[in-house]
Amino acid sequence: MSGRTQARACPERTCVGCRERAAKSDLLRIVAIGDECLPDHRGTLPGRGAYVHPAVVCLDQAVRRRAFPRALRSAGPLDTEELRKALAVQAAATP
């Protein structure tokens, strides 16, 4: 017996809002395009990404801590209005 299991490891990322580790599939990837943060639902947009739980609470914590410019290595503040709209739509669609 080699000791290896058949189960594959699930990639984990850290939420920049609450700083908790979670499965990559449970988090929303955020990228900076220009001077605004945009959600990357498919995970295919180019550039550096930051991860956040798809909850307004975590988004608010990340904005308060100024975590997006730090995580995305941006020189100035980033606009999160589109991200906030996307989370509101996602929350409304979830029963």
PDB file of N, CA and C in Angstrom:
ATOM      1  N   MET A   1       0.834  -1.178   0.000  1.00  0.00           N
ATOM      2  CA  MET A   1       0.000   0.000   0.000  1.00  0.00           C
ATOM      3  C   MET A   1       0.878   1.240   0.000  1.00  0.00           C
ATOM      4  N   SER A   2       0.617   2.148  -0.862  1.00  0.00           N
ATOM      5  CA  SER A   2       1.462   3.337  -0.961  1.00  0.00           C
ATOM      6  C   SER A   2       1.036   4.440  -0.007  1.00  0.00           C
ATOM      7  N   GLY A   3      -0.157   4.365   0.544  1.00  0.00           N
ATOM      8  CA  GLY A   3      -0.612   5.394   1.462  1.00  0.00           C
ATOM      9  C   GLY A   3      -1.328   6.546   0.771  1.00  0.00           C
ATOM     10  N   ARG A   4      -1.375   6.527  -0.528  1.00  0.00           N
ATOM     11  CA  ARG A   4      -2.055   7.599  -1.254  1.00  0.00           C
ATOM     12  C   ARG A   4      -3.542   7.300  -1.328  1.00  0.00           C
ATOM     13  N   THR A   5      -4.323   8.350  -1.301  1.00  0.00           N
ATOM     14  CA  THR A   5      -5.765   8.185  -1.418  1.00  0.00           C
ATOM     15  C   THR A   5      -6.209   8.537  -2.822  1.00  0.00           C
ATOM     16  N   GLN A   6      -7.376   8.092  -3.175  1.00  0.00           N
ATOM     17  CA  GLN A   6      -7.919   8.373  -4.490  1.00  0.00           C
ATOM     18  C   GLN A   6      -8.583   9.753  -4.556  1.00  0.00           C
ATOM     19  N   ALA A   7      -8.897  10.328  -3.396  1.00  0.00           N
ATOM     20  CA  ALA A   7      -9.546  11.633  -3.384  1.00  0.00           C
ATOM     21  C   ALA A   7      -8.552  12.714  -3.793  1.00  0.00           C
ATOM     22  N   ARG A   8      -9.002  13.622  -4.622  1.00  0.00           N
ATOM     23  CA  ARG A   8      -8.154  14.716  -5.070  1.00  0.00           C
ATOM     24  C   ARG A   8      -8.258  15.877  -4.103  1.00  0.00           C
ATOM     25  N   ALA A   9      -7.193  16.569  -3.917  1.00  0.00           N
ATOM     26  CA  ALA A   9      -7.177  17.730  -3.029  1.00  0.00           C
ATOM     27  C   ALA A   9      -7.957  18.876  -3.669  1.00  0.00           C
ATOM     28  N   CYS A  10      -8.714  19.564  -2.859  1.00  0.00           N
ATOM     29  CA  CYS A  10      -9.498  20.703  -3.321  1.00  0.00           C
ATOM     30  C   CYS A  10      -8.691  21.971  -3.077  1.00  0.00           C
ATOM     31  N   PRO A  11      -8.467  22.798  -4.095  1.00  0.00           N
ATOM     32  CA  PRO A  11      -7.695  24.012  -3.871  1.00  0.00           C
ATOM     33  C   PRO A  11      -8.413  24.959  -2.910  1.00  0.00           C
ATOM     34  N   GLU A  12      -7.654  25.571  -2.013  1.00  0.00           N
ATOM     35  CA  GLU A  12      -8.213  26.508  -1.045  1.00  0.00           C
ATOM     36  C   GLU A  12      -7.658  27.897  -1.291  1.00  0.00           C
ATOM     37  N   ARG A  13      -8.461  28.889  -1.000  1.00  0.00           N
ATOM     38  CA  ARG A  13      -8.056  30.289  -1.082  1.00  0.00           C
ATOM     39  C   ARG A  13      -8.527  30.989   0.183  1.00  0.00           C
ATOM     40  N   THR A  14      -7.992  32.171   0.443  1.00  0.00           N
ATOM     41  CA  THR A  14      -8.357  32.944   1.616  1.00  0.00           C
ATOM     42  C   THR A  14      -9.209  34.128   1.192  1.00  0.00           C
ATOM     43  N   CYS A  15     -10.321  34.317   1.862  1.00  0.00           N
ATOM     44  CA  CYS A  15     -11.206  35.452   1.612  1.00  0.00           C
ATOM     45  C   CYS A  15     -10.498  36.709   2.126  1.00  0.00           C
ATOM     46  N   VAL A  16     -10.405  37.754   1.290  1.00  0.00           N
ATOM     47  CA  VAL A  16      -9.732  38.978   1.720  1.00  0.00           C
ATOM     48  C   VAL A  16     -10.593  39.794   2.675  1.00  0.00           C
ATOM     49  N   GLY A  17     -11.858  39.436   2.815  1.00  0.00           N
ATOM     50  CA  GLY A  17     -12.734  40.139   3.746  1.00  0.00           C
ATOM     51  C   GLY A  17     -12.638  39.598   5.148  1.00  0.00           C
ATOM     52  N   CYS A  18     -13.013  38.342   5.337  1.00  0.00           N
ATOM     53  CA  CYS A  18     -13.042  37.750   6.674  1.00  0.00           C
ATOM     54  C   CYS A  18     -11.762  36.988   7.011  1.00  0.00           C
ATOM     55  N   ARG A  19     -10.869  36.808   6.017  1.00  0.00           N
ATOM     56  CA  ARG A  19      -9.592  36.126   6.198  1.00  0.00           C
ATOM     57  C   ARG A  19      -9.741  34.647   6.537  1.00  0.00           C
ATOM     58  N   GLU A  20     -10.872  34.028   6.201  1.00  0.00           N
ATOM     59  CA  GLU A  20     -11.063  32.589   6.424  1.00  0.00           C
ATOM     60  C   GLU A  20     -10.718  31.836   5.153  1.00  0.00           C
ATOM     61  N   ARG A  21     -10.146  30.660   5.326  1.00  0.00           N
ATOM     62  CA  ARG A  21      -9.835  29.806   4.182  1.00  0.00           C
ATOM     63  C   ARG A  21     -11.077  29.020   3.797  1.00  0.00           C
ATOM     64  N   ALA A  22     -11.281  28.866   2.493  1.00  0.00           N
ATOM     65  CA  ALA A  22     -12.425  28.119   1.990  1.00  0.00           C
ATOM     66  C   ALA A  22     -12.035  27.508   0.649  1.00  0.00           C
ATOM     67  N   ALA A  23     -12.852  26.583   0.188  1.00  0.00           N
ATOM     68  CA  ALA A  23     -12.618  25.973  -1.111  1.00  0.00           C
ATOM     69  C   ALA A  23     -12.716  27.044  -2.198  1.00  0.00           C
ATOM     70  N   LYS A  24     -11.876  26.935  -3.181  1.00  0.00           N
ATOM     71  CA  LYS A  24     -11.850  27.913  -4.267  1.00  0.00           C
ATOM     72  C   LYS A  24     -13.206  28.044  -4.937  1.00  0.00           C
ATOM     73  N   SER A  25     -13.937  26.944  -5.026  1.00  0.00           N
ATOM     74  CA  SER A  25     -15.245  26.956  -5.685  1.00  0.00           C
ATOM     75  C   SER A  25     -16.305  27.692  -4.864  1.00  0.00           C
ATOM     76  N   ASP A  26     -16.070  27.882  -3.564  1.00  0.00           N
ATOM     77  CA  ASP A  26     -17.026  28.585  -2.705  1.00  0.00           C
ATOM     78  C   ASP A  26     -16.804  30.094  -2.688  1.00  0.00           C
ATOM     79  N   LEU A  27     -15.702  30.545  -3.249  1.00  0.00           N
ATOM     80  CA  LEU A  27     -15.355  31.964  -3.232  1.00  0.00           C
ATOM     81  C   LEU A  27     -15.528  32.585  -4.612  1.00  0.00           C
ATOM     82  N   LEU A  28     -15.636  33.898  -4.636  1.00  0.00           N
ATOM     83  CA  LEU A  28     -15.774  34.652  -5.876  1.00  0.00           C
ATOM     84  C   LEU A  28     -14.441  35.329  -6.178  1.00  0.00           C
ATOM     85  N   ARG A  29     -13.940  35.122  -7.388  1.00  0.00           N
ATOM     86  CA  ARG A  29     -12.672  35.736  -7.780  1.00  0.00           C
ATOM     87  C   ARG A  29     -12.934  37.157  -8.246  1.00  0.00           C
ATOM     88  N   ILE A  30     -12.074  38.075  -7.804  1.00  0.00           N
ATOM     89  CA  ILE A  30     -12.178  39.483  -8.147  1.00  0.00           C
ATOM     90  C   ILE A  30     -10.915  39.886  -8.884  1.00  0.00           C
ATOM     91  N   VAL A  31     -11.067  40.633  -9.985  1.00  0.00           N
ATOM     92  CA  VAL A  31      -9.915  41.153 -10.714  1.00  0.00           C
ATOM     93  C   VAL A  31     -10.067  42.658 -10.859  1.00  0.00           C
ATOM     94  N   ALA A  32      -8.951  43.332 -11.026  1.00  0.00           N
ATOM     95  CA  ALA A  32      -8.958  44.775 -11.240  1.00  0.00           C
ATOM     96  C   ALA A  32      -8.743  45.040 -12.724  1.00  0.00           C
ATOM     97  N   ILE A  33      -9.698  45.736 -13.324  1.00  0.00           N
ATOM     98  CA  ILE A  33      -9.569  46.179 -14.709  1.00  0.00           C
ATOM     99  C   ILE A  33      -9.687  47.696 -14.676  1.00  0.00           C
ATOM    100  N   GLY A  34      -8.602  48.338 -15.016  1.00  0.00           N
ATOM    101  CA  GLY A  34      -8.564  49.790 -14.877  1.00  0.00           C
ATOM    102  C   GLY A  34      -8.522  50.144 -13.396  1.00  0.00           C
ATOM    103  N   ASP A  35      -9.492  50.938 -12.982  1.00  0.00           N
ATOM    104  CA  ASP A  35      -9.538  51.327 -11.566  1.00  0.00           C
ATOM    105  C   ASP A  35     -10.789  50.811 -10.878  1.00  0.00           C
ATOM    106  N   GLU A  36     -11.333  49.682 -11.369  1.00  0.00           N
ATOM    107  CA  GLU A  36     -12.494  49.105 -10.707  1.00  0.00           C
ATOM    108  C   GLU A  36     -12.343  47.599 -10.533  1.00  0.00           C
ATOM    109  N   CYS A  37     -12.987  47.101  -9.494  1.00  0.00           N
ATOM    110  CA  CYS A  37     -13.000  45.665  -9.202  1.00  0.00           C
ATOM    111  C   CYS A  37     -14.182  45.035  -9.911  1.00  0.00           C
ATOM    112  N   LEU A  38     -13.936  43.956 -10.610  1.00  0.00           N
ATOM    113  CA  LEU A  38     -14.997  43.249 -11.321  1.00  0.00           C
ATOM    114  C   LEU A  38     -15.007  41.787 -10.903  1.00  0.00           C
ATOM    115  N   PRO A  39     -16.192  41.184 -10.816  1.00  0.00           N
ATOM    116  CA  PRO A  39     -16.256  39.759 -10.486  1.00  0.00           C
ATOM    117  C   PRO A  39     -15.836  38.920 -11.691  1.00  0.00           C
ATOM    118  N   ASP A  40     -15.160  37.839 -11.417  1.00  0.00           N
ATOM    119  CA  ASP A  40     -14.724  36.901 -12.449  1.00  0.00           C
ATOM    120  C   ASP A  40     -15.364  35.556 -12.134  1.00  0.00           C
ATOM    121  N   HIS A  41     -16.602  35.385 -12.581  1.00  0.00           N
ATOM    122  CA  HIS A  41     -17.368  34.190 -12.232  1.00  0.00           C
ATOM    123  C   HIS A  41     -16.742  32.915 -12.794  1.00  0.00           C
ATOM    124  N   ARG A  42     -16.179  32.978 -13.996  1.00  0.00           N
ATOM    125  CA  ARG A  42     -15.608  31.784 -14.613  1.00  0.00           C
ATOM    126  C   ARG A  42     -14.144  31.570 -14.242  1.00  0.00           C
ATOM    127  N   GLY A  43     -13.510  32.602 -13.693  1.00  0.00           N
ATOM    128  CA  GLY A  43     -12.112  32.468 -13.294  1.00  0.00           C
ATOM    129  C   GLY A  43     -11.148  32.506 -14.456  1.00  0.00           C
ATOM    130  N   THR A  44     -11.508  33.185 -15.541  1.00  0.00           N
ATOM    131  CA  THR A  44     -10.668  33.181 -16.734  1.00  0.00           C
ATOM    132  C   THR A  44     -10.124  34.550 -17.110  1.00  0.00           C
ATOM    133  N   LEU A  45     -10.515  35.604 -16.418  1.00  0.00           N
ATOM    134  CA  LEU A  45     -10.015  36.929 -16.763  1.00  0.00           C
ATOM    135  C   LEU A  45      -8.526  37.020 -16.433  1.00  0.00           C
ATOM    136  N   PRO A  46      -7.775  37.749 -17.261  1.00  0.00           N
ATOM    137  CA  PRO A  46      -6.335  37.827 -17.019  1.00  0.00           C
ATOM    138  C   PRO A  46      -6.011  38.727 -15.834  1.00  0.00           C
ATOM    139  N   GLY A  47      -4.849  38.510 -15.291  1.00  0.00           N
ATOM    140  CA  GLY A  47      -4.364  39.358 -14.217  1.00  0.00           C
ATOM    141  C   GLY A  47      -4.471  38.705 -12.864  1.00  0.00           C
ATOM    142  N   ARG A  48      -4.040  39.463 -11.895  1.00  0.00           N
ATOM    143  CA  ARG A  48      -4.019  39.000 -10.521  1.00  0.00           C
ATOM    144  C   ARG A  48      -5.437  38.947  -9.971  1.00  0.00           C
ATOM    145  N   GLY A  49      -5.717  37.974  -9.138  1.00  0.00           N
ATOM    146  CA  GLY A  49      -7.057  37.829  -8.575  1.00  0.00           C
ATOM    147  C   GLY A  49      -7.046  37.823  -7.061  1.00  0.00           C
ATOM    148  N   ALA A  50      -8.148  38.277  -6.495  1.00  0.00           N
ATOM    149  CA  ALA A  50      -8.379  38.203  -5.056  1.00  0.00           C
ATOM    150  C   ALA A  50      -9.689  37.460  -4.870  1.00  0.00           C
ATOM    151  N   TYR A  51      -9.835  36.785  -3.757  1.00  0.00           N
ATOM    152  CA  TYR A  51     -11.025  35.979  -3.519  1.00  0.00           C
ATOM    153  C   TYR A  51     -11.802  36.515  -2.327  1.00  0.00           C
ATOM    154  N   VAL A  52     -13.129  36.464  -2.440  1.00  0.00           N
ATOM    155  CA  VAL A  52     -14.016  36.927  -1.379  1.00  0.00           C
ATOM    156  C   VAL A  52     -15.250  36.025  -1.366  1.00  0.00           C
ATOM    157  N   HIS A  53     -15.800  35.816  -0.177  1.00  0.00           N
ATOM    158  CA  HIS A  53     -17.062  35.082  -0.104  1.00  0.00           C
ATOM    159  C   HIS A  53     -18.141  35.891  -0.821  1.00  0.00           C
ATOM    160  N   PRO A  54     -19.066  35.249  -1.497  1.00  0.00           N
ATOM    161  CA  PRO A  54     -20.118  35.998  -2.190  1.00  0.00           C
ATOM    162  C   PRO A  54     -21.178  36.516  -1.206  1.00  0.00           C
ATOM    163  N   ALA A  55     -20.751  37.335  -0.264  1.00  0.00           N
ATOM    164  CA  ALA A  55     -21.627  37.919   0.743  1.00  0.00           C
ATOM    165  C   ALA A  55     -21.247  39.381   0.934  1.00  0.00           C
ATOM    166  N   VAL A  56     -22.239  40.208   1.154  1.00  0.00           N
ATOM    167  CA  VAL A  56     -22.009  41.641   1.310  1.00  0.00           C
ATOM    168  C   VAL A  56     -21.169  41.920   2.557  1.00  0.00           C
ATOM    169  N   VAL A  57     -21.314  41.085   3.583  1.00  0.00           N
ATOM    170  CA  VAL A  57     -20.554  41.273   4.820  1.00  0.00           C
ATOM    171  C   VAL A  57     -19.054  41.189   4.546  1.00  0.00           C
ATOM    172  N   CYS A  58     -18.630  40.189   3.820  1.00  0.00           N
ATOM    173  CA  CYS A  58     -17.216  40.029   3.498  1.00  0.00           C
ATOM    174  C   CYS A  58     -16.733  41.140   2.568  1.00  0.00           C
ATOM    175  N   LEU A  59     -17.577  41.556   1.643  1.00  0.00           N
ATOM    176  CA  LEU A  59     -17.212  42.654   0.758  1.00  0.00           C
ATOM    177  C   LEU A  59     -16.996  43.934   1.557  1.00  0.00           C
ATOM    178  N   ASP A  60     -17.891  44.219   2.498  1.00  0.00           N
ATOM    179  CA  ASP A  60     -17.761  45.415   3.330  1.00  0.00           C
ATOM    180  C   ASP A  60     -16.480  45.378   4.162  1.00  0.00           C
ATOM    181  N   GLN A  61     -16.151  44.205   4.709  1.00  0.00           N
ATOM    182  CA  GLN A  61     -14.924  44.083   5.492  1.00  0.00           C
ATOM    183  C   GLN A  61     -13.696  44.313   4.621  1.00  0.00           C
ATOM    184  N   ALA A  62     -13.715  43.782   3.402  1.00  0.00           N
ATOM    185  CA  ALA A  62     -12.576  43.949   2.497  1.00  0.00           C
ATOM    186  C   ALA A  62     -12.402  45.417   2.106  1.00  0.00           C
ATOM    187  N   VAL A  63     -13.513  46.123   1.874  1.00  0.00           N
ATOM    188  CA  VAL A  63     -13.431  47.539   1.519  1.00  0.00           C
ATOM    189  C   VAL A  63     -12.925  48.344   2.711  1.00  0.00           C
ATOM    190  N   ARG A  64     -13.430  48.046   3.893  1.00  0.00           N
ATOM    191  CA  ARG A  64     -13.029  48.768   5.097  1.00  0.00           C
ATOM    192  C   ARG A  64     -11.536  48.579   5.385  1.00  0.00           C
ATOM    193  N   ARG A  65     -11.034  47.382   5.145  1.00  0.00           N
ATOM    194  CA  ARG A  65      -9.624  47.083   5.389  1.00  0.00           C
ATOM    195  C   ARG A  65      -8.713  47.511   4.246  1.00  0.00           C
ATOM    196  N   ARG A  66      -9.298  47.996   3.160  1.00  0.00           N
ATOM    197  CA  ARG A  66      -8.555  48.354   1.946  1.00  0.00           C
ATOM    198  C   ARG A  66      -7.772  47.150   1.420  1.00  0.00           C
ATOM    199  N   ALA A  67      -8.441  46.013   1.412  1.00  0.00           N
ATOM    200  CA  ALA A  67      -7.777  44.767   1.036  1.00  0.00           C
ATOM    201  C   ALA A  67      -7.639  44.592  -0.477  1.00  0.00           C
ATOM    202  N   PHE A  68      -8.573  45.144  -1.258  1.00  0.00           N
ATOM    203  CA  PHE A  68      -8.506  44.935  -2.709  1.00  0.00           C
ATOM    204  C   PHE A  68      -7.286  45.591  -3.346  1.00  0.00           C
ATOM    205  N   PRO A  69      -6.985  46.867  -3.060  1.00  0.00           N
ATOM    206  CA  PRO A  69      -5.768  47.429  -3.664  1.00  0.00           C
ATOM    207  C   PRO A  69      -4.503  46.685  -3.238  1.00  0.00           C
ATOM    208  N   ARG A  70      -4.466  46.209  -2.009  1.00  0.00           N
ATOM    209  CA  ARG A  70      -3.288  45.482  -1.520  1.00  0.00           C
ATOM    210  C   ARG A  70      -3.182  44.122  -2.203  1.00  0.00           C
ATOM    211  N   ALA A  71      -4.286  43.379  -2.262  1.00  0.00           N
ATOM    212  CA  ALA A  71      -4.253  42.031  -2.831  1.00  0.00           C
ATOM    213  C   ALA A  71      -4.030  42.057  -4.340  1.00  0.00           C
ATOM    214  N   LEU A  72      -4.581  43.064  -4.991  1.00  0.00           N
ATOM    215  CA  LEU A  72      -4.466  43.153  -6.450  1.00  0.00           C
ATOM    216  C   LEU A  72      -3.274  43.992  -6.887  1.00  0.00           C
ATOM    217  N   ARG A  73      -2.518  44.485  -5.914  1.00  0.00           N
ATOM    218  CA  ARG A  73      -1.320  45.288  -6.155  1.00  0.00           C
ATOM    219  C   ARG A  73      -1.616  46.479  -7.051  1.00  0.00           C
ATOM    220  N   SER A  74      -2.619  47.242  -6.649  1.00  0.00           N
ATOM    221  CA  SER A  74      -3.026  48.438  -7.370  1.00  0.00           C
ATOM    222  C   SER A  74      -2.447  49.660  -6.675  1.00  0.00           C
ATOM    223  N   ALA A  75      -2.131  50.679  -7.451  1.00  0.00           N
ATOM    224  CA  ALA A  75      -1.509  51.877  -6.882  1.00  0.00           C
ATOM    225  C   ALA A  75      -2.494  52.732  -6.103  1.00  0.00           C
ATOM    226  N   GLY A  76      -3.728  52.802  -6.551  1.00  0.00           N
ATOM    227  CA  GLY A  76      -4.700  53.674  -5.896  1.00  0.00           C
ATOM    228  C   GLY A  76      -5.941  52.926  -5.472  1.00  0.00           C
ATOM    229  N   PRO A  77      -6.941  53.671  -5.003  1.00  0.00           N
ATOM    230  CA  PRO A  77      -8.195  53.022  -4.585  1.00  0.00           C
ATOM    231  C   PRO A  77      -8.944  52.440  -5.785  1.00  0.00           C
ATOM    232  N   LEU A  78      -9.715  51.397  -5.523  1.00  0.00           N
ATOM    233  CA  LEU A  78     -10.479  50.728  -6.571  1.00  0.00           C
ATOM    234  C   LEU A  78     -11.972  50.906  -6.323  1.00  0.00           C
ATOM    235  N   ASP A  79     -12.717  51.085  -7.403  1.00  0.00           N
ATOM    236  CA  ASP A  79     -14.158  51.238  -7.318  1.00  0.00           C
ATOM    237  C   ASP A  79     -14.803  49.851  -7.207  1.00  0.00           C
ATOM    238  N   THR A  80     -15.666  49.658  -6.209  1.00  0.00           N
ATOM    239  CA  THR A  80     -16.286  48.353  -5.982  1.00  0.00           C
ATOM    240  C   THR A  80     -17.787  48.367  -6.260  1.00  0.00           C
ATOM    241  N   GLU A  81     -18.288  49.381  -6.949  1.00  0.00           N
ATOM    242  CA  GLU A  81     -19.730  49.503  -7.185  1.00  0.00           C
ATOM    243  C   GLU A  81     -20.269  48.358  -8.060  1.00  0.00           C
ATOM    244  N   GLU A  82     -19.561  48.008  -9.137  1.00  0.00           N
ATOM    245  CA  GLU A  82     -20.002  46.901  -9.999  1.00  0.00           C
ATOM    246  C   GLU A  82     -19.995  45.584  -9.228  1.00  0.00           C
ATOM    247  N   LEU A  83     -19.024  45.411  -8.388  1.00  0.00           N
ATOM    248  CA  LEU A  83     -18.935  44.201  -7.566  1.00  0.00           C
ATOM    249  C   LEU A  83     -20.109  44.120  -6.600  1.00  0.00           C
ATOM    250  N   ARG A  84     -20.455  45.242  -5.998  1.00  0.00           N
ATOM    251  CA  ARG A  84     -21.586  45.303  -5.063  1.00  0.00           C
ATOM    252  C   ARG A  84     -22.906  44.979  -5.787  1.00  0.00           C
ATOM    253  N   LYS A  85     -23.058  45.479  -7.016  1.00  0.00           N
ATOM    254  CA  LYS A  85     -24.270  45.197  -7.810  1.00  0.00           C
ATOM    255  C   LYS A  85     -24.351  43.705  -8.151  1.00  0.00           C
ATOM    256  N   ALA A  86     -23.228  43.115  -8.527  1.00  0.00           N
ATOM    257  CA  ALA A  86     -23.197  41.695  -8.881  1.00  0.00           C
ATOM    258  C   ALA A  86     -23.551  40.827  -7.678  1.00  0.00           C
ATOM    259  N   LEU A  87     -23.060  41.190  -6.500  1.00  0.00           N
ATOM    260  CA  LEU A  87     -23.394  40.428  -5.292  1.00  0.00           C
ATOM    261  C   LEU A  87     -24.859  40.572  -4.934  1.00  0.00           C
ATOM    262  N   ALA A  88     -25.446  41.753  -5.147  1.00  0.00           N
ATOM    263  CA  ALA A  88     -26.860  41.956  -4.866  1.00  0.00           C
ATOM    264  C   ALA A  88     -27.720  41.107  -5.796  1.00  0.00           C
ATOM    265  N   VAL A  89     -27.347  41.041  -7.055  1.00  0.00           N
ATOM    266  CA  VAL A  89     -28.090  40.215  -8.022  1.00  0.00           C
ATOM    267  C   VAL A  89     -27.965  38.744  -7.662  1.00  0.00           C
ATOM    268  N   GLN A  90     -26.773  38.309  -7.286  1.00  0.00           N
ATOM    269  CA  GLN A  90     -26.560  36.920  -6.902  1.00  0.00           C
ATOM    270  C   GLN A  90     -27.326  36.563  -5.650  1.00  0.00           C
ATOM    271  N   ALA A  91     -27.385  37.467  -4.684  1.00  0.00           N
ATOM    272  CA  ALA A  91     -28.132  37.210  -3.450  1.00  0.00           C
ATOM    273  C   ALA A  91     -29.628  37.142  -3.708  1.00  0.00           C
ATOM    274  N   ALA A  92     -30.121  37.959  -4.640  1.00  0.00           N
ATOM    275  CA  ALA A  92     -31.550  37.948  -4.975  1.00  0.00           C
ATOM    276  C   ALA A  92     -31.934  36.663  -5.709  1.00  0.00           C
ATOM    277  N   ALA A  93     -31.003  36.108  -6.494  1.00  0.00           N
ATOM    278  CA  ALA A  93     -31.281  34.898  -7.256  1.00  0.00           C
ATOM    279  C   ALA A  93     -31.237  33.650  -6.396  1.00  0.00           C
ATOM    280  N   THR A  94     -30.521  33.711  -5.281  1.00  0.00           N
ATOM    281  CA  THR A  94     -30.408  32.559  -4.387  1.00  0.00           C
ATOM    282  C   THR A  94     -31.594  32.538  -3.424  1.00  0.00           C
ATOM    283  N   PRO A  95     -32.320  31.413  -3.393  1.00  0.00           N
ATOM    284  CA  PRO A  95     -33.501  31.373  -2.505  1.00  0.00           C
ATOM    285  C   PRO A  95     -33.142  31.267  -1.046  1.00  0.00           C
TER     286      PRO A  95
END
